[in-house]
PDB file of N, CA and C in Angstrom:
ATOM      1  N   MET A   1     -17.345  90.160  74.769  1.00  0.00           N
ATOM      2  CA  MET A   1     -17.472  90.740  73.453  1.00  0.00           C
ATOM      3  C   MET A   1     -18.547  89.988  72.675  1.00  0.00           C
ATOM      4  N   SER A   2     -19.413  90.700  72.067  1.00  0.00           N
ATOM      5  CA  SER A   2     -20.504  90.120  71.298  1.00  0.00           C
ATOM      6  C   SER A   2     -19.998  89.667  69.920  1.00  0.00           C
ATOM      7  N   THR A   3     -20.459  88.491  69.465  1.00  0.00           N
ATOM      8  CA  THR A   3     -20.045  87.980  68.151  1.00  0.00           C
ATOM      9  C   THR A   3     -21.137  88.119  67.111  1.00  0.00           C
ATOM     10  N   PHE A   4     -22.157  88.902  67.423  1.00  0.00           N
ATOM     11  CA  PHE A   4     -23.214  89.118  66.449  1.00  0.00           C
ATOM     12  C   PHE A   4     -23.650  90.573  66.512  1.00  0.00           C
ATOM     13  N   GLY A   5     -24.412  90.996  65.534  1.00  0.00           N
ATOM     14  CA  GLY A   5     -24.871  92.381  65.504  1.00  0.00           C
ATOM     15  C   GLY A   5     -23.949  93.248  64.671  1.00  0.00           C
ATOM     16  N   SER A   6     -24.056  94.540  64.839  1.00  0.00           N
ATOM     17  CA  SER A   6     -23.319  95.487  64.002  1.00  0.00           C
ATOM     18  C   SER A   6     -21.827  95.532  64.328  1.00  0.00           C
ATOM     19  N   LYS A   7     -21.400  95.019  65.443  1.00  0.00           N
ATOM     20  CA  LYS A   7     -19.989  95.061  65.839  1.00  0.00           C
ATOM     21  C   LYS A   7     -19.230  93.788  65.446  1.00  0.00           C
ATOM     22  N   ARG A   8     -19.876  92.877  64.765  1.00  0.00           N
ATOM     23  CA  ARG A   8     -19.253  91.596  64.422  1.00  0.00           C
ATOM     24  C   ARG A   8     -18.105  91.801  63.432  1.00  0.00           C
ATOM     25  N   LEU A   9     -16.987  91.139  63.690  1.00  0.00           N
ATOM     26  CA  LEU A   9     -15.847  91.181  62.787  1.00  0.00           C
ATOM     27  C   LEU A   9     -15.969  90.019  61.807  1.00  0.00           C
ATOM     28  N   VAL A  10     -16.010  90.332  60.535  1.00  0.00           N
ATOM     29  CA  VAL A  10     -16.110  89.302  59.512  1.00  0.00           C
ATOM     30  C   VAL A  10     -14.719  89.085  58.940  1.00  0.00           C
ATOM     31  N   VAL A  11     -14.221  87.879  59.099  1.00  0.00           N
ATOM     32  CA  VAL A  11     -12.884  87.546  58.629  1.00  0.00           C
ATOM     33  C   VAL A  11     -13.012  86.480  57.559  1.00  0.00           C
ATOM     34  N   GLY A  12     -12.215  86.588  56.517  1.00  0.00           N
ATOM     35  CA  GLY A  12     -12.231  85.571  55.471  1.00  0.00           C
ATOM     36  C   GLY A  12     -13.399  85.731  54.511  1.00  0.00           C
ATOM     37  N   ALA A  13     -13.880  86.939  54.331  1.00  0.00           N
ATOM     38  CA  ALA A  13     -14.971  87.159  53.387  1.00  0.00           C
ATOM     39  C   ALA A  13     -14.523  86.753  51.991  1.00  0.00           C
ATOM     40  N   HIS A  14     -15.416  86.220  51.221  1.00  0.00           N
ATOM     41  CA  HIS A  14     -15.195  85.757  49.849  1.00  0.00           C
ATOM     42  C   HIS A  14     -14.305  84.515  49.795  1.00  0.00           C
ATOM     43  N   TYR A  15     -14.083  83.860  50.909  1.00  0.00           N
ATOM     44  CA  TYR A  15     -13.240  82.668  50.921  1.00  0.00           C
ATOM     45  C   TYR A  15     -13.815  81.583  50.017  1.00  0.00           C
ATOM     46  N   GLY A  16     -15.108  81.377  50.091  1.00  0.00           N
ATOM     47  CA  GLY A  16     -15.727  80.312  49.312  1.00  0.00           C
ATOM     48  C   GLY A  16     -16.078  80.707  47.899  1.00  0.00           C
ATOM     49  N   LEU A  17     -15.972  81.984  47.559  1.00  0.00           N
ATOM     50  CA  LEU A  17     -16.347  82.440  46.224  1.00  0.00           C
ATOM     51  C   LEU A  17     -15.455  81.831  45.146  1.00  0.00           C
ATOM     52  N   ARG A  18     -14.152  81.765  45.401  1.00  0.00           N
ATOM     53  CA  ARG A  18     -13.218  81.210  44.422  1.00  0.00           C
ATOM     54  C   ARG A  18     -13.542  79.739  44.146  1.00  0.00           C
ATOM     55  N   ASP A  19     -13.810  78.977  45.188  1.00  0.00           N
ATOM     56  CA  ASP A  19     -14.141  77.560  45.006  1.00  0.00           C
ATOM     57  C   ASP A  19     -15.484  77.385  44.314  1.00  0.00           C
ATOM     58  N   TRP A  20     -16.448  78.204  44.681  1.00  0.00           N
ATOM     59  CA  TRP A  20     -17.767  78.139  44.050  1.00  0.00           C
ATOM     60  C   TRP A  20     -17.645  78.441  42.561  1.00  0.00           C
ATOM     61  N   LEU A  21     -16.889  79.476  42.230  1.00  0.00           N
ATOM     62  CA  LEU A  21     -16.702  79.849  40.837  1.00  0.00           C
ATOM     63  C   LEU A  21     -15.923  78.772  40.080  1.00  0.00           C
ATOM     64  N   ALA A  22     -14.909  78.200  40.716  1.00  0.00           N
ATOM     65  CA  ALA A  22     -14.132  77.129  40.078  1.00  0.00           C
ATOM     66  C   ALA A  22     -15.022  75.933  39.765  1.00  0.00           C
ATOM     67  N   GLN A  23     -15.921  75.588  40.678  1.00  0.00           N
ATOM     68  CA  GLN A  23     -16.845  74.474  40.433  1.00  0.00           C
ATOM     69  C   GLN A  23     -17.723  74.759  39.212  1.00  0.00           C
ATOM     70  N   ARG A  24     -18.206  75.986  39.094  1.00  0.00           N
ATOM     71  CA  ARG A  24     -19.086  76.330  37.963  1.00  0.00           C
ATOM     72  C   ARG A  24     -18.327  76.347  36.650  1.00  0.00           C
ATOM     73  N   VAL A  25     -17.122  76.929  36.643  1.00  0.00           N
ATOM     74  CA  VAL A  25     -16.334  77.009  35.413  1.00  0.00           C
ATOM     75  C   VAL A  25     -15.932  75.610  34.945  1.00  0.00           C
ATOM     76  N   THR A  26     -15.462  74.769  35.858  1.00  0.00           N
ATOM     77  CA  THR A  26     -15.079  73.418  35.458  1.00  0.00           C
ATOM     78  C   THR A  26     -16.288  72.609  35.009  1.00  0.00           C
ATOM     79  N   ALA A  27     -17.434  72.836  35.622  1.00  0.00           N
ATOM     80  CA  ALA A  27     -18.651  72.136  35.192  1.00  0.00           C
ATOM     81  C   ALA A  27     -19.040  72.550  33.770  1.00  0.00           C
ATOM     82  N   VAL A  28     -18.909  73.823  33.456  1.00  0.00           N
ATOM     83  CA  VAL A  28     -19.222  74.293  32.101  1.00  0.00           C
ATOM     84  C   VAL A  28     -18.250  73.681  31.098  1.00  0.00           C
ATOM     85  N   LEU A  29     -16.970  73.634  31.430  1.00  0.00           N
ATOM     86  CA  LEU A  29     -15.990  73.012  30.531  1.00  0.00           C
ATOM     87  C   LEU A  29     -16.318  71.545  30.280  1.00  0.00           C
ATOM     88  N   MET A  30     -16.701  70.831  31.335  1.00  0.00           N
ATOM     89  CA  MET A  30     -17.044  69.414  31.168  1.00  0.00           C
ATOM     90  C   MET A  30     -18.332  69.248  30.352  1.00  0.00           C
ATOM     91  N   ALA A  31     -19.276  70.169  30.507  1.00  0.00           N
ATOM     92  CA  ALA A  31     -20.507  70.113  29.719  1.00  0.00           C
ATOM     93  C   ALA A  31     -20.214  70.373  28.240  1.00  0.00           C
ATOM     94  N   VAL A  32     -19.340  71.333  27.953  1.00  0.00           N
ATOM     95  CA  VAL A  32     -18.958  71.609  26.568  1.00  0.00           C
ATOM     96  C   VAL A  32     -18.291  70.380  25.955  1.00  0.00           C
ATOM     97  N   PHE A  33     -17.389  69.748  26.697  1.00  0.00           N
ATOM     98  CA  PHE A  33     -16.743  68.534  26.202  1.00  0.00           C
ATOM     99  C   PHE A  33     -17.771  67.445  25.911  1.00  0.00           C
ATOM    100  N   THR A  34     -18.716  67.267  26.811  1.00  0.00           N
ATOM    101  CA  THR A  34     -19.749  66.242  26.626  1.00  0.00           C
ATOM    102  C   THR A  34     -20.561  66.499  25.359  1.00  0.00           C
ATOM    103  N   ILE A  35     -20.941  67.741  25.143  1.00  0.00           N
ATOM    104  CA  ILE A  35     -21.728  68.086  23.945  1.00  0.00           C
ATOM    105  C   ILE A  35     -20.909  67.847  22.681  1.00  0.00           C
ATOM    106  N   VAL A  36     -19.643  68.285  22.681  1.00  0.00           N
ATOM    107  CA  VAL A  36     -18.779  68.080  21.516  1.00  0.00           C
ATOM    108  C   VAL A  36     -18.611  66.588  21.240  1.00  0.00           C
ATOM    109  N   LEU A  37     -18.395  65.810  22.278  1.00  0.00           N
ATOM    110  CA  LEU A  37     -18.217  64.366  22.103  1.00  0.00           C
ATOM    111  C   LEU A  37     -19.506  63.713  21.591  1.00  0.00           C
ATOM    112  N   LEU A  38     -20.646  64.132  22.135  1.00  0.00           N
ATOM    113  CA  LEU A  38     -21.923  63.580  21.657  1.00  0.00           C
ATOM    114  C   LEU A  38     -22.156  63.906  20.185  1.00  0.00           C
ATOM    115  N   VAL A  39     -21.842  65.116  19.780  1.00  0.00           N
ATOM    116  CA  VAL A  39     -22.001  65.484  18.370  1.00  0.00           C
ATOM    117  C   VAL A  39     -21.117  64.596  17.498  1.00  0.00           C
ATOM    118  N   GLN A  40     -19.880  64.363  17.930  1.00  0.00           N
ATOM    119  CA  GLN A  40     -18.963  63.509  17.171  1.00  0.00           C
ATOM    120  C   GLN A  40     -19.479  62.066  17.087  1.00  0.00           C
ATOM    121  N   VAL A  41     -19.991  61.555  18.198  1.00  0.00           N
ATOM    122  CA  VAL A  41     -20.443  60.157  18.252  1.00  0.00           C
ATOM    123  C   VAL A  41     -21.746  59.958  17.490  1.00  0.00           C
ATOM    124  N   LEU A  42     -22.624  60.942  17.508  1.00  0.00           N
ATOM    125  CA  LEU A  42     -23.928  60.801  16.858  1.00  0.00           C
ATOM    126  C   LEU A  42     -23.895  61.044  15.356  1.00  0.00           C
ATOM    127  N   MET A  43     -22.743  61.369  14.816  1.00  0.00           N
ATOM    128  CA  MET A  43     -22.626  61.507  13.359  1.00  0.00           C
ATOM    129  C   MET A  43     -22.882  60.147  12.722  1.00  0.00           C
ATOM    130  N   PRO A  44     -23.427  60.144  11.509  1.00  0.00           N
ATOM    131  CA  PRO A  44     -23.711  58.855  10.857  1.00  0.00           C
ATOM    132  C   PRO A  44     -22.431  58.048  10.614  1.00  0.00           C
ATOM    133  N   GLY A  45     -22.567  56.759  10.693  1.00  0.00           N
ATOM    134  CA  GLY A  45     -21.438  55.862  10.462  1.00  0.00           C
ATOM    135  C   GLY A  45     -21.316  54.860  11.591  1.00  0.00           C
ATOM    136  N   ALA A  46     -20.517  53.831  11.321  1.00  0.00           N
ATOM    137  CA  ALA A  46     -20.308  52.779  12.321  1.00  0.00           C
ATOM    138  C   ALA A  46     -19.432  53.320  13.445  1.00  0.00           C
ATOM    139  N   LEU A  47     -19.793  52.940  14.657  1.00  0.00           N
ATOM    140  CA  LEU A  47     -19.046  53.389  15.824  1.00  0.00           C
ATOM    141  C   LEU A  47     -18.141  52.261  16.296  1.00  0.00           C
ATOM    142  N   GLY A  48     -16.898  52.312  15.864  1.00  0.00           N
ATOM    143  CA  GLY A  48     -15.927  51.297  16.235  1.00  0.00           C
ATOM    144  C   GLY A  48     -14.618  51.947  16.639  1.00  0.00           C
ATOM    145  N   TYR A  49     -13.584  51.134  16.712  1.00  0.00           N
ATOM    146  CA  TYR A  49     -12.278  51.644  17.137  1.00  0.00           C
ATOM    147  C   TYR A  49     -11.770  52.732  16.197  1.00  0.00           C
ATOM    148  N   ASP A  50     -11.927  52.503  14.892  1.00  0.00           N
ATOM    149  CA  ASP A  50     -11.430  53.477  13.915  1.00  0.00           C
ATOM    150  C   ASP A  50     -12.093  54.838  14.099  1.00  0.00           C
ATOM    151  N   ARG A  51     -13.368  54.830  14.396  1.00  0.00           N
ATOM    152  CA  ARG A  51     -14.095  56.091  14.599  1.00  0.00           C
ATOM    153  C   ARG A  51     -13.612  56.797  15.869  1.00  0.00           C
ATOM    154  N   TRP A  52     -13.458  56.037  16.963  1.00  0.00           N
ATOM    155  CA  TRP A  52     -12.961  56.627  18.206  1.00  0.00           C
ATOM    156  C   TRP A  52     -11.556  57.173  18.010  1.00  0.00           C
ATOM    157  N   ALA A  53     -10.712  56.413  17.317  1.00  0.00           N
ATOM    158  CA  ALA A  53      -9.342  56.865  17.063  1.00  0.00           C
ATOM    159  C   ALA A  53      -9.351  58.143  16.223  1.00  0.00           C
ATOM    160  N   ALA A  54     -10.249  58.222  15.251  1.00  0.00           N
ATOM    161  CA  ALA A  54     -10.337  59.416  14.408  1.00  0.00           C
ATOM    162  C   ALA A  54     -10.802  60.633  15.212  1.00  0.00           C
ATOM    163  N   ILE A  55     -11.740  60.417  16.114  1.00  0.00           N
ATOM    164  CA  ILE A  55     -12.237  61.533  16.940  1.00  0.00           C
ATOM    165  C   ILE A  55     -11.097  62.117  17.770  1.00  0.00           C
ATOM    166  N   PHE A  56     -10.318  61.270  18.412  1.00  0.00           N
ATOM    167  CA  PHE A  56      -9.279  61.745  19.316  1.00  0.00           C
ATOM    168  C   PHE A  56      -7.926  61.951  18.642  1.00  0.00           C
ATOM    169  N   SER A  57      -7.831  61.742  17.331  1.00  0.00           N
ATOM    170  CA  SER A  57      -6.583  62.007  16.632  1.00  0.00           C
ATOM    171  C   SER A  57      -6.430  63.484  16.279  1.00  0.00           C
ATOM    172  N   GLN A  58      -7.521  64.211  16.272  1.00  0.00           N
ATOM    173  CA  GLN A  58      -7.464  65.641  15.945  1.00  0.00           C
ATOM    174  C   GLN A  58      -6.879  66.416  17.120  1.00  0.00           C
ATOM    175  N   GLN A  59      -5.976  67.339  16.825  1.00  0.00           N
ATOM    176  CA  GLN A  59      -5.259  68.060  17.873  1.00  0.00           C
ATOM    177  C   GLN A  59      -6.198  68.887  18.757  1.00  0.00           C
ATOM    178  N   TRP A  60      -7.216  69.514  18.188  1.00  0.00           N
ATOM    179  CA  TRP A  60      -8.134  70.329  18.991  1.00  0.00           C
ATOM    180  C   TRP A  60      -8.919  69.459  19.969  1.00  0.00           C
ATOM    181  N   MET A  61      -9.232  68.222  19.550  1.00  0.00           N
ATOM    182  CA  MET A  61      -9.971  67.325  20.438  1.00  0.00           C
ATOM    183  C   MET A  61      -9.067  66.831  21.561  1.00  0.00           C
ATOM    184  N   LYS A  62      -7.801  66.583  21.258  1.00  0.00           N
ATOM    185  CA  LYS A  62      -6.856  66.199  22.307  1.00  0.00           C
ATOM    186  C   LYS A  62      -6.706  67.326  23.323  1.00  0.00           C
ATOM    187  N   LEU A  63      -6.616  68.550  22.836  1.00  0.00           N
ATOM    188  CA  LEU A  63      -6.483  69.698  23.737  1.00  0.00           C
ATOM    189  C   LEU A  63      -7.736  69.864  24.600  1.00  0.00           C
ATOM    190  N   LEU A  64      -8.915  69.748  23.982  1.00  0.00           N
ATOM    191  CA  LEU A  64     -10.166  69.859  24.741  1.00  0.00           C
ATOM    192  C   LEU A  64     -10.274  68.735  25.776  1.00  0.00           C
ATOM    193  N   THR A  65      -9.861  67.534  25.400  1.00  0.00           N
ATOM    194  CA  THR A  65      -9.886  66.407  26.334  1.00  0.00           C
ATOM    195  C   THR A  65      -8.907  66.625  27.479  1.00  0.00           C
ATOM    196  N   PHE A  66      -7.720  67.136  27.170  1.00  0.00           N
ATOM    197  CA  PHE A  66      -6.708  67.437  28.190  1.00  0.00           C
ATOM    198  C   PHE A  66      -7.232  68.456  29.190  1.00  0.00           C
ATOM    199  N   VAL A  67      -7.836  69.531  28.693  1.00  0.00           N
ATOM    200  CA  VAL A  67      -8.401  70.565  29.573  1.00  0.00           C
ATOM    201  C   VAL A  67      -9.544  69.976  30.408  1.00  0.00           C
ATOM    202  N   THR A  68     -10.329  69.102  29.821  1.00  0.00           N
ATOM    203  CA  THR A  68     -11.432  68.473  30.544  1.00  0.00           C
ATOM    204  C   THR A  68     -10.917  67.547  31.644  1.00  0.00           C
ATOM    205  N   ILE A  69      -9.851  66.814  31.383  1.00  0.00           N
ATOM    206  CA  ILE A  69      -9.267  65.940  32.403  1.00  0.00           C
ATOM    207  C   ILE A  69      -8.795  66.773  33.595  1.00  0.00           C
ATOM    208  N   LEU A  70      -8.083  67.861  33.303  1.00  0.00           N
ATOM    209  CA  LEU A  70      -7.618  68.742  34.382  1.00  0.00           C
ATOM    210  C   LEU A  70      -8.799  69.372  35.125  1.00  0.00           C
ATOM    211  N   SER A  71      -9.829  69.769  34.386  1.00  0.00           N
ATOM    212  CA  SER A  71     -11.019  70.352  35.010  1.00  0.00           C
ATOM    213  C   SER A  71     -11.723  69.351  35.910  1.00  0.00           C
ATOM    214  N   LEU A  72     -11.832  68.120  35.447  1.00  0.00           N
ATOM    215  CA  LEU A  72     -12.476  67.078  36.237  1.00  0.00           C
ATOM    216  C   LEU A  72     -11.705  66.816  37.529  1.00  0.00           C
ATOM    217  N   ALA A  73     -10.386  66.766  37.423  1.00  0.00           N
ATOM    218  CA  ALA A  73      -9.570  66.522  38.615  1.00  0.00           C
ATOM    219  C   ALA A  73      -9.720  67.669  39.618  1.00  0.00           C
ATOM    220  N   TYR A  74      -9.674  68.908  39.141  1.00  0.00           N
ATOM    221  CA  TYR A  74      -9.810  70.047  40.052  1.00  0.00           C
ATOM    222  C   TYR A  74     -11.223  70.110  40.646  1.00  0.00           C
ATOM    223  N   HIS A  75     -12.231  69.849  39.816  1.00  0.00           N
ATOM    224  CA  HIS A  75     -13.626  69.834  40.260  1.00  0.00           C
ATOM    225  C   HIS A  75     -13.813  68.796  41.373  1.00  0.00           C
ATOM    226  N   ALA A  76     -13.249  67.609  41.151  1.00  0.00           N
ATOM    227  CA  ALA A  76     -13.354  66.545  42.157  1.00  0.00           C
ATOM    228  C   ALA A  76     -12.593  66.922  43.422  1.00  0.00           C
ATOM    229  N   TRP A  77     -11.430  67.556  43.276  1.00  0.00           N
ATOM    230  CA  TRP A  77     -10.651  67.953  44.442  1.00  0.00           C
ATOM    231  C   TRP A  77     -11.420  68.945  45.310  1.00  0.00           C
ATOM    232  N   VAL A  78     -11.993  69.965  44.697  1.00  0.00           N
ATOM    233  CA  VAL A  78     -12.734  70.969  45.470  1.00  0.00           C
ATOM    234  C   VAL A  78     -13.899  70.309  46.201  1.00  0.00           C
ATOM    235  N   GLY A  79     -14.624  69.438  45.522  1.00  0.00           N
ATOM    236  CA  GLY A  79     -15.756  68.768  46.156  1.00  0.00           C
ATOM    237  C   GLY A  79     -15.342  67.848  47.285  1.00  0.00           C
ATOM    238  N   MET A  80     -14.317  67.033  47.060  1.00  0.00           N
ATOM    239  CA  MET A  80     -13.872  66.104  48.102  1.00  0.00           C
ATOM    240  C   MET A  80     -13.248  66.844  49.278  1.00  0.00           C
ATOM    241  N   ARG A  81     -12.486  67.898  48.995  1.00  0.00           N
ATOM    242  CA  ARG A  81     -11.891  68.676  50.076  1.00  0.00           C
ATOM    243  C   ARG A  81     -12.975  69.272  50.964  1.00  0.00           C
ATOM    244  N   ASP A  82     -14.043  69.772  50.346  1.00  0.00           N
ATOM    245  CA  ASP A  82     -15.153  70.329  51.128  1.00  0.00           C
ATOM    246  C   ASP A  82     -15.836  69.249  51.967  1.00  0.00           C
ATOM    247  N   ILE A  83     -15.995  68.072  51.406  1.00  0.00           N
ATOM    248  CA  ILE A  83     -16.605  66.975  52.160  1.00  0.00           C
ATOM    249  C   ILE A  83     -15.728  66.608  53.349  1.00  0.00           C
ATOM    250  N   TRP A  84     -14.413  66.457  53.115  1.00  0.00           N
ATOM    251  CA  TRP A  84     -13.513  66.111  54.220  1.00  0.00           C
ATOM    252  C   TRP A  84     -13.518  67.203  55.282  1.00  0.00           C
ATOM    253  N   MET A  85     -13.509  68.474  54.868  1.00  0.00           N
ATOM    254  CA  MET A  85     -13.479  69.577  55.838  1.00  0.00           C
ATOM    255  C   MET A  85     -14.779  69.655  56.645  1.00  0.00           C
ATOM    256  N   ASP A  86     -15.894  69.350  56.011  1.00  0.00           N
ATOM    257  CA  ASP A  86     -17.188  69.478  56.690  1.00  0.00           C
ATOM    258  C   ASP A  86     -17.510  68.311  57.614  1.00  0.00           C
ATOM    259  N   TYR A  87     -17.109  67.103  57.245  1.00  0.00           N
ATOM    260  CA  TYR A  87     -17.594  65.927  57.962  1.00  0.00           C
ATOM    261  C   TYR A  87     -16.542  65.141  58.740  1.00  0.00           C
ATOM    262  N   ILE A  88     -15.263  65.384  58.487  1.00  0.00           N
ATOM    263  CA  ILE A  88     -14.203  64.668  59.214  1.00  0.00           C
ATOM    264  C   ILE A  88     -13.565  65.648  60.184  1.00  0.00           C
ATOM    265  N   LYS A  89     -13.821  65.462  61.459  1.00  0.00           N
ATOM    266  CA  LYS A  89     -13.354  66.411  62.470  1.00  0.00           C
ATOM    267  C   LYS A  89     -11.926  66.164  62.961  1.00  0.00           C
ATOM    268  N   PRO A  90     -11.462  64.913  63.174  1.00  0.00           N
ATOM    269  CA  PRO A  90     -10.074  64.729  63.609  1.00  0.00           C
ATOM    270  C   PRO A  90      -9.097  65.200  62.515  1.00  0.00           C
ATOM    271  N   VAL A  91      -8.212  66.110  62.882  1.00  0.00           N
ATOM    272  CA  VAL A  91      -7.335  66.755  61.907  1.00  0.00           C
ATOM    273  C   VAL A  91      -6.421  65.745  61.213  1.00  0.00           C
ATOM    274  N   GLY A  92      -5.883  64.791  61.947  1.00  0.00           N
ATOM    275  CA  GLY A  92      -4.988  63.798  61.352  1.00  0.00           C
ATOM    276  C   GLY A  92      -5.680  62.943  60.302  1.00  0.00           C
ATOM    277  N   VAL A  93      -6.879  62.507  60.612  1.00  0.00           N
ATOM    278  CA  VAL A  93      -7.651  61.690  59.658  1.00  0.00           C
ATOM    279  C   VAL A  93      -8.000  62.522  58.435  1.00  0.00           C
ATOM    280  N   ARG A  94      -8.417  63.763  58.663  1.00  0.00           N
ATOM    281  CA  ARG A  94      -8.776  64.647  57.548  1.00  0.00           C
ATOM    282  C   ARG A  94      -7.571  64.883  56.640  1.00  0.00           C
ATOM    283  N   LEU A  95      -6.408  65.151  57.237  1.00  0.00           N
ATOM    284  CA  LEU A  95      -5.196  65.372  56.444  1.00  0.00           C
ATOM    285  C   LEU A  95      -4.829  64.128  55.648  1.00  0.00           C
ATOM    286  N   ALA A  96      -4.932  62.968  56.269  1.00  0.00           N
ATOM    287  CA  ALA A  96      -4.619  61.713  55.562  1.00  0.00           C
ATOM    288  C   ALA A  96      -5.569  61.510  54.380  1.00  0.00           C
ATOM    289  N   LEU A  97      -6.851  61.776  54.584  1.00  0.00           N
ATOM    290  CA  LEU A  97      -7.820  61.630  53.493  1.00  0.00           C
ATOM    291  C   LEU A  97      -7.565  62.643  52.381  1.00  0.00           C
ATOM    292  N   GLN A  98      -7.188  63.849  52.752  1.00  0.00           N
ATOM    293  CA  GLN A  98      -6.893  64.861  51.732  1.00  0.00           C
ATOM    294  C   GLN A  98      -5.655  64.483  50.919  1.00  0.00           C
ATOM    295  N   VAL A  99      -4.624  63.998  51.589  1.00  0.00           N
ATOM    296  CA  VAL A  99      -3.419  63.569  50.874  1.00  0.00           C
ATOM    297  C   VAL A  99      -3.741  62.393  49.965  1.00  0.00           C
ATOM    298  N   PHE A 100      -4.499  61.412  50.468  1.00  0.00           N
ATOM    299  CA  PHE A 100      -4.895  60.268  49.646  1.00  0.00           C
ATOM    300  C   PHE A 100      -5.689  60.744  48.427  1.00  0.00           C
ATOM    301  N   THR A 101      -6.598  61.688  48.628  1.00  0.00           N
ATOM    302  CA  THR A 101      -7.407  62.207  47.523  1.00  0.00           C
ATOM    303  C   THR A 101      -6.535  62.881  46.471  1.00  0.00           C
ATOM    304  N   ILE A 102      -5.576  63.689  46.914  1.00  0.00           N
ATOM    305  CA  ILE A 102      -4.680  64.361  45.968  1.00  0.00           C
ATOM    306  C   ILE A 102      -3.874  63.339  45.168  1.00  0.00           C
ATOM    307  N   VAL A 103      -3.304  62.359  45.857  1.00  0.00           N
ATOM    308  CA  VAL A 103      -2.502  61.339  45.173  1.00  0.00           C
ATOM    309  C   VAL A 103      -3.364  60.558  44.182  1.00  0.00           C
ATOM    310  N   TRP A 104      -4.562  60.187  44.612  1.00  0.00           N
ATOM    311  CA  TRP A 104      -5.470  59.433  43.745  1.00  0.00           C
ATOM    312  C   TRP A 104      -5.855  60.239  42.511  1.00  0.00           C
ATOM    313  N   LEU A 105      -6.225  61.501  42.695  1.00  0.00           N
ATOM    314  CA  LEU A 105      -6.637  62.332  41.561  1.00  0.00           C
ATOM    315  C   LEU A 105      -5.476  62.597  40.614  1.00  0.00           C
ATOM    316  N   LEU A 106      -4.278  62.846  41.151  1.00  0.00           N
ATOM    317  CA  LEU A 106      -3.112  63.036  40.287  1.00  0.00           C
ATOM    318  C   LEU A 106      -2.799  61.762  39.506  1.00  0.00           C
ATOM    319  N   GLY A 107      -2.926  60.610  40.167  1.00  0.00           N
ATOM    320  CA  GLY A 107      -2.704  59.341  39.482  1.00  0.00           C
ATOM    321  C   GLY A 107      -3.713  59.110  38.365  1.00  0.00           C
ATOM    322  N   CYS A 108      -4.965  59.371  38.642  1.00  0.00           N
ATOM    323  CA  CYS A 108      -6.006  59.192  37.616  1.00  0.00           C
ATOM    324  C   CYS A 108      -5.813  60.161  36.457  1.00  0.00           C
ATOM    325  N   ALA A 109      -5.513  61.421  36.764  1.00  0.00           N
ATOM    326  CA  ALA A 109      -5.288  62.411  35.709  1.00  0.00           C
ATOM    327  C   ALA A 109      -4.053  62.052  34.891  1.00  0.00           C
ATOM    328  N   GLY A 110      -2.995  61.632  35.561  1.00  0.00           N
ATOM    329  CA  GLY A 110      -1.787  61.229  34.845  1.00  0.00           C
ATOM    330  C   GLY A 110      -2.028  60.046  33.933  1.00  0.00           C
ATOM    331  N   TRP A 111      -2.768  59.063  34.425  1.00  0.00           N
ATOM    332  CA  TRP A 111      -3.091  57.895  33.604  1.00  0.00           C
ATOM    333  C   TRP A 111      -3.937  58.292  32.401  1.00  0.00           C
ATOM    334  N   ALA A 112      -4.934  59.154  32.614  1.00  0.00           N
ATOM    335  CA  ALA A 112      -5.794  59.586  31.514  1.00  0.00           C
ATOM    336  C   ALA A 112      -4.994  60.364  30.463  1.00  0.00           C
ATOM    337  N   ILE A 113      -4.049  61.176  30.911  1.00  0.00           N
ATOM    338  CA  ILE A 113      -3.225  61.926  29.966  1.00  0.00           C
ATOM    339  C   ILE A 113      -2.298  60.989  29.203  1.00  0.00           C
ATOM    340  N   GLN A 114      -1.780  59.963  29.872  1.00  0.00           N
ATOM    341  CA  GLN A 114      -0.967  58.958  29.174  1.00  0.00           C
ATOM    342  C   GLN A 114      -1.779  58.263  28.080  1.00  0.00           C
ATOM    343  N   VAL A 115      -3.004  57.903  28.402  1.00  0.00           N
ATOM    344  CA  VAL A 115      -3.868  57.256  27.411  1.00  0.00           C
ATOM    345  C   VAL A 115      -4.146  58.210  26.250  1.00  0.00           C
ATOM    346  N   LEU A 116      -4.422  59.458  26.566  1.00  0.00           N
ATOM    347  CA  LEU A 116      -4.754  60.448  25.531  1.00  0.00           C
ATOM    348  C   LEU A 116      -3.579  60.691  24.590  1.00  0.00           C
ATOM    349  N   TRP A 117      -2.394  60.884  25.151  1.00  0.00           N
ATOM    350  CA  TRP A 117      -1.225  61.233  24.326  1.00  0.00           C
ATOM    351  C   TRP A 117      -0.389  60.009  23.977  1.00  0.00           C
ATOM    352  N   ARG A 118      -0.813  58.814  24.406  1.00  0.00           N
ATOM    353  CA  ARG A 118      -0.130  57.553  24.127  1.00  0.00           C
ATOM    354  C   ARG A 118       1.340  57.599  24.540  1.00  0.00           C
ATOM    355  N   LEU A 119       1.568  58.011  25.771  1.00  0.00           N
ATOM    356  CA  LEU A 119       2.946  58.107  26.283  1.00  0.00           C
ATOM    357  C   LEU A 119       3.427  56.759  26.784  1.00  0.00           C
TER     358      LEU A 119
END
């Protein structure tokens, strides 16, 4: 049976589209957060603890930061998962690296959320 030409069976079409789109959407969210944060920081005045506390005391900024933390974790997961799938061939090693990556990203996101909400 030929695997090329007009008789080729294409399975799993659009498989990578969801991940590609997720990478772009999360990147846009992180860019918006960066711009908002830069605007806040570049406002006139001394940049000290009180200013940082004031920036992140507003509820909308906490929400934007929370969404950005989740976006960063998902963005990193998609990228690392693709790297592990493309370059690590032994299935056991790949699975171990993927589990380690998930645990690490959840730990980092959880810690960042604790810092943000002062839990």
